[in-house]
PDB file of N, CA and C in Angstrom:
ATOM      1  N   MET A   1      70.816  40.935  77.404  1.00  0.00           N
ATOM      2  CA  MET A   1      71.481  41.922  78.232  1.00  0.00           C
ATOM      3  C   MET A   1      71.159  41.623  79.695  1.00  0.00           C
ATOM      4  N   ASN A   2      72.168  41.667  80.547  1.00  0.00           N
ATOM      5  CA  ASN A   2      71.909  41.419  81.964  1.00  0.00           C
ATOM      6  C   ASN A   2      71.629  42.727  82.700  1.00  0.00           C
ATOM      7  N   ALA A   3      71.222  42.624  83.941  1.00  0.00           N
ATOM      8  CA  ALA A   3      70.811  43.803  84.717  1.00  0.00           C
ATOM      9  C   ALA A   3      71.952  44.801  84.908  1.00  0.00           C
ATOM     10  N   VAL A   4      73.175  44.313  85.131  1.00  0.00           N
ATOM     11  CA  VAL A   4      74.302  45.212  85.357  1.00  0.00           C
ATOM     12  C   VAL A   4      74.605  46.020  84.106  1.00  0.00           C
ATOM     13  N   SER A   5      74.693  45.384  82.948  1.00  0.00           N
ATOM     14  CA  SER A   5      74.987  46.130  81.728  1.00  0.00           C
ATOM     15  C   SER A   5      73.836  47.054  81.365  1.00  0.00           C
ATOM     16  N   ASP A   6      72.600  46.677  81.685  1.00  0.00           N
ATOM     17  CA  ASP A   6      71.449  47.539  81.431  1.00  0.00           C
ATOM     18  C   ASP A   6      71.558  48.819  82.257  1.00  0.00           C
ATOM     19  N   ILE A   7      71.952  48.703  83.514  1.00  0.00           N
ATOM     20  CA  ILE A   7      72.118  49.875  84.374  1.00  0.00           C
ATOM     21  C   ILE A   7      73.269  50.741  83.877  1.00  0.00           C
ATOM     22  N   LYS A   8      74.383  50.124  83.494  1.00  0.00           N
ATOM     23  CA  LYS A   8      75.518  50.889  82.989  1.00  0.00           C
ATOM     24  C   LYS A   8      75.142  51.675  81.743  1.00  0.00           C
ATOM     25  N   ASP A   9      74.294  51.107  80.879  1.00  0.00           N
ATOM     26  CA  ASP A   9      73.860  51.809  79.680  1.00  0.00           C
ATOM     27  C   ASP A   9      73.011  53.028  80.016  1.00  0.00           C
ATOM     28  N   ARG A  10      72.348  53.012  81.148  1.00  0.00           N
ATOM     29  CA  ARG A  10      71.478  54.125  81.538  1.00  0.00           C
ATOM     30  C   ARG A  10      72.216  55.233  82.272  1.00  0.00           C
ATOM     31  N   ILE A  11      73.377  54.932  82.836  1.00  0.00           N
ATOM     32  CA  ILE A  11      74.143  55.941  83.560  1.00  0.00           C
ATOM     33  C   ILE A  11      74.877  56.798  82.537  1.00  0.00           C
ATOM     34  N   ARG A  12      74.541  58.072  82.532  1.00  0.00           N
ATOM     35  CA  ARG A  12      75.136  58.992  81.567  1.00  0.00           C
ATOM     36  C   ARG A  12      75.698  60.192  82.329  1.00  0.00           C
ATOM     37  N   PRO A  13      76.972  60.140  82.724  1.00  0.00           N
ATOM     38  CA  PRO A  13      77.555  61.236  83.496  1.00  0.00           C
ATOM     39  C   PRO A  13      77.519  62.549  82.726  1.00  0.00           C
ATOM     40  N   LYS A  14      77.103  63.609  83.419  1.00  0.00           N
ATOM     41  CA  LYS A  14      77.028  64.933  82.798  1.00  0.00           C
ATOM     42  C   LYS A  14      78.285  65.753  83.062  1.00  0.00           C
ATOM     43  N   HIS A  15      79.055  65.360  84.058  1.00  0.00           N
ATOM     44  CA  HIS A  15      80.283  66.074  84.397  1.00  0.00           C
ATOM     45  C   HIS A  15      81.198  65.136  85.183  1.00  0.00           C
ATOM     46  N   CYS A  16      82.401  65.591  85.420  1.00  0.00           N
ATOM     47  CA  CYS A  16      83.396  64.743  86.086  1.00  0.00           C
ATOM     48  C   CYS A  16      83.001  64.370  87.507  1.00  0.00           C
ATOM     49  N   ALA A  17      82.242  65.211  88.178  1.00  0.00           N
ATOM     50  CA  ALA A  17      81.809  64.884  89.540  1.00  0.00           C
ATOM     51  C   ALA A  17      80.975  63.606  89.545  1.00  0.00           C
ATOM     52  N   ASP A  18      80.209  63.363  88.480  1.00  0.00           N
ATOM     53  CA  ASP A  18      79.444  62.115  88.390  1.00  0.00           C
ATOM     54  C   ASP A  18      80.380  60.910  88.356  1.00  0.00           C
ATOM     55  N   HIS A  19      81.476  61.021  87.610  1.00  0.00           N
ATOM     56  CA  HIS A  19      82.467  59.933  87.568  1.00  0.00           C
ATOM     57  C   HIS A  19      83.103  59.748  88.947  1.00  0.00           C
ATOM     58  N   LEU A  20      83.416  60.861  89.618  1.00  0.00           N
ATOM     59  CA  LEU A  20      84.019  60.787  90.947  1.00  0.00           C
ATOM     60  C   LEU A  20      83.077  60.086  91.922  1.00  0.00           C
ATOM     61  N   HIS A  21      81.809  60.444  91.893  1.00  0.00           N
ATOM     62  CA  HIS A  21      80.830  59.824  92.794  1.00  0.00           C
ATOM     63  C   HIS A  21      80.604  58.349  92.473  1.00  0.00           C
ATOM     64  N   ALA A  22      80.932  57.950  91.230  1.00  0.00           N
ATOM     65  CA  ALA A  22      80.806  56.545  90.837  1.00  0.00           C
ATOM     66  C   ALA A  22      82.062  55.743  91.186  1.00  0.00           C
ATOM     67  N   GLY A  23      83.048  56.406  91.826  1.00  0.00           N
ATOM     68  CA  GLY A  23      84.227  55.686  92.280  1.00  0.00           C
ATOM     69  C   GLY A  23      85.470  55.855  91.432  1.00  0.00           C
ATOM     70  N   GLN A  24      85.407  56.666  90.378  1.00  0.00           N
ATOM     71  CA  GLN A  24      86.586  56.912  89.549  1.00  0.00           C
ATOM     72  C   GLN A  24      87.436  57.972  90.233  1.00  0.00           C
ATOM     73  N   THR A  25      88.617  57.612  90.706  1.00  0.00           N
ATOM     74  CA  THR A  25      89.435  58.541  91.486  1.00  0.00           C
ATOM     75  C   THR A  25      90.761  58.900  90.822  1.00  0.00           C
ATOM     76  N   THR A  26      90.980  58.436  89.611  1.00  0.00           N
ATOM     77  CA  THR A  26      92.210  58.725  88.886  1.00  0.00           C
ATOM     78  C   THR A  26      91.953  59.807  87.848  1.00  0.00           C
ATOM     79  N   SER A  27      92.780  60.851  87.834  1.00  0.00           N
ATOM     80  CA  SER A  27      92.651  61.893  86.823  1.00  0.00           C
ATOM     81  C   SER A  27      92.913  61.306  85.449  1.00  0.00           C
ATOM     82  N   GLY A  28      92.187  61.782  84.456  1.00  0.00           N
ATOM     83  CA  GLY A  28      92.372  61.298  83.097  1.00  0.00           C
ATOM     84  C   GLY A  28      91.200  61.675  82.216  1.00  0.00           C
ATOM     85  N   VAL A  29      91.139  61.068  81.046  1.00  0.00           N
ATOM     86  CA  VAL A  29      90.093  61.361  80.067  1.00  0.00           C
ATOM     87  C   VAL A  29      88.890  60.460  80.328  1.00  0.00           C
ATOM     88  N   TYR A  30      87.731  61.081  80.430  1.00  0.00           N
ATOM     89  CA  TYR A  30      86.467  60.388  80.655  1.00  0.00           C
ATOM     90  C   TYR A  30      85.442  60.903  79.653  1.00  0.00           C
ATOM     91  N   THR A  31      84.363  60.160  79.479  1.00  0.00           N
ATOM     92  CA  THR A  31      83.283  60.578  78.592  1.00  0.00           C
ATOM     93  C   THR A  31      82.145  61.155  79.413  1.00  0.00           C
ATOM     94  N   ILE A  32      81.668  62.342  78.994  1.00  0.00           N
ATOM     95  CA  ILE A  32      80.484  62.937  79.602  1.00  0.00           C
ATOM     96  C   ILE A  32      79.452  63.169  78.503  1.00  0.00           C
ATOM     97  N   PHE A  33      78.202  63.270  78.895  1.00  0.00           N
ATOM     98  CA  PHE A  33      77.098  63.455  77.962  1.00  0.00           C
ATOM     99  C   PHE A  33      76.423  64.783  78.278  1.00  0.00           C
ATOM    100  N   LEU A  34      76.647  65.771  77.411  1.00  0.00           N
ATOM    101  CA  LEU A  34      76.172  67.124  77.676  1.00  0.00           C
ATOM    102  C   LEU A  34      74.689  67.302  77.370  1.00  0.00           C
ATOM    103  N   GLN A  35      74.166  66.540  76.434  1.00  0.00           N
ATOM    104  CA  GLN A  35      72.762  66.654  76.032  1.00  0.00           C
ATOM    105  C   GLN A  35      72.059  65.326  76.279  1.00  0.00           C
ATOM    106  N   ALA A  36      70.770  65.384  76.543  1.00  0.00           N
ATOM    107  CA  ALA A  36      69.996  64.169  76.822  1.00  0.00           C
ATOM    108  C   ALA A  36      70.005  63.199  75.643  1.00  0.00           C
ATOM    109  N   ASP A  37      70.045  63.730  74.416  1.00  0.00           N
ATOM    110  CA  ASP A  37      69.992  62.874  73.231  1.00  0.00           C
ATOM    111  C   ASP A  37      71.377  62.546  72.668  1.00  0.00           C
ATOM    112  N   ASP A  38      72.422  62.924  73.370  1.00  0.00           N
ATOM    113  CA  ASP A  38      73.795  62.662  72.938  1.00  0.00           C
ATOM    114  C   ASP A  38      74.072  61.164  73.027  1.00  0.00           C
ATOM    115  N   GLN A  39      74.423  60.558  71.915  1.00  0.00           N
ATOM    116  CA  GLN A  39      74.668  59.116  71.881  1.00  0.00           C
ATOM    117  C   GLN A  39      76.139  58.750  72.038  1.00  0.00           C
ATOM    118  N   THR A  40      77.046  59.664  71.693  1.00  0.00           N
ATOM    119  CA  THR A  40      78.469  59.329  71.721  1.00  0.00           C
ATOM    120  C   THR A  40      79.219  59.970  72.877  1.00  0.00           C
ATOM    121  N   GLY A  41      78.727  61.075  73.398  1.00  0.00           N
ATOM    122  CA  GLY A  41      79.396  61.751  74.495  1.00  0.00           C
ATOM    123  C   GLY A  41      80.579  62.578  74.029  1.00  0.00           C
ATOM    124  N   GLN A  42      81.196  63.255  74.981  1.00  0.00           N
ATOM    125  CA  GLN A  42      82.333  64.130  74.722  1.00  0.00           C
ATOM    126  C   GLN A  42      83.475  63.701  75.625  1.00  0.00           C
ATOM    127  N   ALA A  43      84.647  63.500  75.045  1.00  0.00           N
ATOM    128  CA  ALA A  43      85.822  63.153  75.846  1.00  0.00           C
ATOM    129  C   ALA A  43      86.354  64.422  76.504  1.00  0.00           C
ATOM    130  N   VAL A  44      86.514  64.387  77.830  1.00  0.00           N
ATOM    131  CA  VAL A  44      87.041  65.525  78.579  1.00  0.00           C
ATOM    132  C   VAL A  44      88.087  65.024  79.564  1.00  0.00           C
ATOM    133  N   TYR A  45      88.933  65.929  80.008  1.00  0.00           N
ATOM    134  CA  TYR A  45      89.907  65.583  81.039  1.00  0.00           C
ATOM    135  C   TYR A  45      89.291  65.887  82.394  1.00  0.00           C
ATOM    136  N   CYS A  46      89.325  64.910  83.285  1.00  0.00           N
ATOM    137  CA  CYS A  46      88.796  65.075  84.637  1.00  0.00           C
ATOM    138  C   CYS A  46      89.942  65.094  85.640  1.00  0.00           C
ATOM    139  N   ASP A  47      89.996  66.166  86.426  1.00  0.00           N
ATOM    140  CA  ASP A  47      90.973  66.287  87.505  1.00  0.00           C
ATOM    141  C   ASP A  47      90.317  65.733  88.760  1.00  0.00           C
ATOM    142  N   MET A  48      90.776  64.576  89.198  1.00  0.00           N
ATOM    143  CA  MET A  48      90.184  63.902  90.348  1.00  0.00           C
ATOM    144  C   MET A  48      90.993  64.110  91.630  1.00  0.00           C
ATOM    145  N   GLU A  49      91.962  65.034  91.599  1.00  0.00           N
ATOM    146  CA  GLU A  49      92.843  65.220  92.749  1.00  0.00           C
ATOM    147  C   GLU A  49      92.759  66.606  93.377  1.00  0.00           C
ATOM    148  N   THR A  50      92.631  67.650  92.577  1.00  0.00           N
ATOM    149  CA  THR A  50      92.647  69.015  93.088  1.00  0.00           C
ATOM    150  C   THR A  50      91.395  69.330  93.891  1.00  0.00           C
ATOM    151  N   ASP A  51      91.584  69.823  95.108  1.00  0.00           N
ATOM    152  CA  ASP A  51      90.483  70.331  95.938  1.00  0.00           C
ATOM    153  C   ASP A  51      89.289  69.383  96.006  1.00  0.00           C
ATOM    154  N   GLY A  52      89.564  68.112  96.225  1.00  0.00           N
ATOM    155  CA  GLY A  52      88.487  67.133  96.368  1.00  0.00           C
ATOM    156  C   GLY A  52      88.120  66.396  95.094  1.00  0.00           C
ATOM    157  N   GLY A  53      88.613  66.863  93.952  1.00  0.00           N
ATOM    158  CA  GLY A  53      88.384  66.170  92.682  1.00  0.00           C
ATOM    159  C   GLY A  53      87.033  66.426  92.056  1.00  0.00           C
ATOM    160  N   GLY A  54      86.834  65.809  90.893  1.00  0.00           N
ATOM    161  CA  GLY A  54      85.581  65.929  90.166  1.00  0.00           C
ATOM    162  C   GLY A  54      85.512  67.127  89.242  1.00  0.00           C
ATOM    163  N   TRP A  55      86.660  67.707  88.908  1.00  0.00           N
ATOM    164  CA  TRP A  55      86.693  68.907  88.080  1.00  0.00           C
ATOM    165  C   TRP A  55      86.774  68.565  86.599  1.00  0.00           C
ATOM    166  N   THR A  56      85.919  69.200  85.805  1.00  0.00           N
ATOM    167  CA  THR A  56      85.961  69.064  84.355  1.00  0.00           C
ATOM    168  C   THR A  56      86.887  70.147  83.825  1.00  0.00           C
ATOM    169  N   VAL A  57      87.963  69.740  83.156  1.00  0.00           N
ATOM    170  CA  VAL A  57      88.947  70.685  82.644  1.00  0.00           C
ATOM    171  C   VAL A  57      88.621  70.988  81.192  1.00  0.00           C
ATOM    172  N   SER A  58      88.526  72.280  80.891  1.00  0.00           N
ATOM    173  CA  SER A  58      88.158  72.718  79.547  1.00  0.00           C
ATOM    174  C   SER A  58      89.155  73.764  79.076  1.00  0.00           C
ATOM    175  N   GLU A  59      89.408  73.766  77.786  1.00  0.00           N
ATOM    176  CA  GLU A  59      90.324  74.746  77.217  1.00  0.00           C
ATOM    177  C   GLU A  59      89.784  75.192  75.877  1.00  0.00           C
ATOM    178  N   SER A  60      89.916  76.463  75.607  1.00  0.00           N
ATOM    179  CA  SER A  60      89.474  76.997  74.324  1.00  0.00           C
ATOM    180  C   SER A  60      90.473  78.049  73.874  1.00  0.00           C
ATOM    181  N   ILE A  61      90.868  77.960  72.625  1.00  0.00           N
ATOM    182  CA  ILE A  61      91.779  78.944  72.054  1.00  0.00           C
ATOM    183  C   ILE A  61      91.092  79.548  70.841  1.00  0.00           C
ATOM    184  N   ALA A  62      90.967  80.860  70.834  1.00  0.00           N
ATOM    185  CA  ALA A  62      90.335  81.553  69.712  1.00  0.00           C
ATOM    186  C   ALA A  62      91.243  81.460  68.489  1.00  0.00           C
ATOM    187  N   PRO A  63      90.645  81.456  67.287  1.00  0.00           N
ATOM    188  CA  PRO A  63      91.468  81.446  66.074  1.00  0.00           C
ATOM    189  C   PRO A  63      92.480  82.596  66.118  1.00  0.00           C
ATOM    190  N   GLY A  64      93.714  82.289  65.842  1.00  0.00           N
ATOM    191  CA  GLY A  64      94.765  83.292  65.876  1.00  0.00           C
ATOM    192  C   GLY A  64      95.270  83.573  67.279  1.00  0.00           C
ATOM    193  N   GLY A  65      94.702  82.889  68.265  1.00  0.00           N
ATOM    194  CA  GLY A  65      95.109  83.100  69.654  1.00  0.00           C
ATOM    195  C   GLY A  65      96.465  82.490  69.927  1.00  0.00           C
ATOM    196  N   ARG A  66      97.089  82.949  70.979  1.00  0.00           N
ATOM    197  CA  ARG A  66      98.398  82.435  71.367  1.00  0.00           C
ATOM    198  C   ARG A  66      98.335  81.929  72.792  1.00  0.00           C
ATOM    199  N   LEU A  67      99.181  80.987  73.074  1.00  0.00           N
ATOM    200  CA  LEU A  67      99.305  80.492  74.448  1.00  0.00           C
ATOM    201  C   LEU A  67     100.347  81.278  75.181  1.00  0.00           C
TER     202      LEU A  67
END
């Protein structure tokens, strides 16, 4: 393993702002790691355009809920 890939393996973004600060400026699906021991991460939509960007977009619908 080289130094660059070793560093990339250690960077574990906790929210979309971490991706934004790392230079990701396109809105889309990114992986964040909510827990320190999380090995796979969670796919979330990051809004990198609204009000400066770095927003983690979340949605939840209760069972039987309507849109």
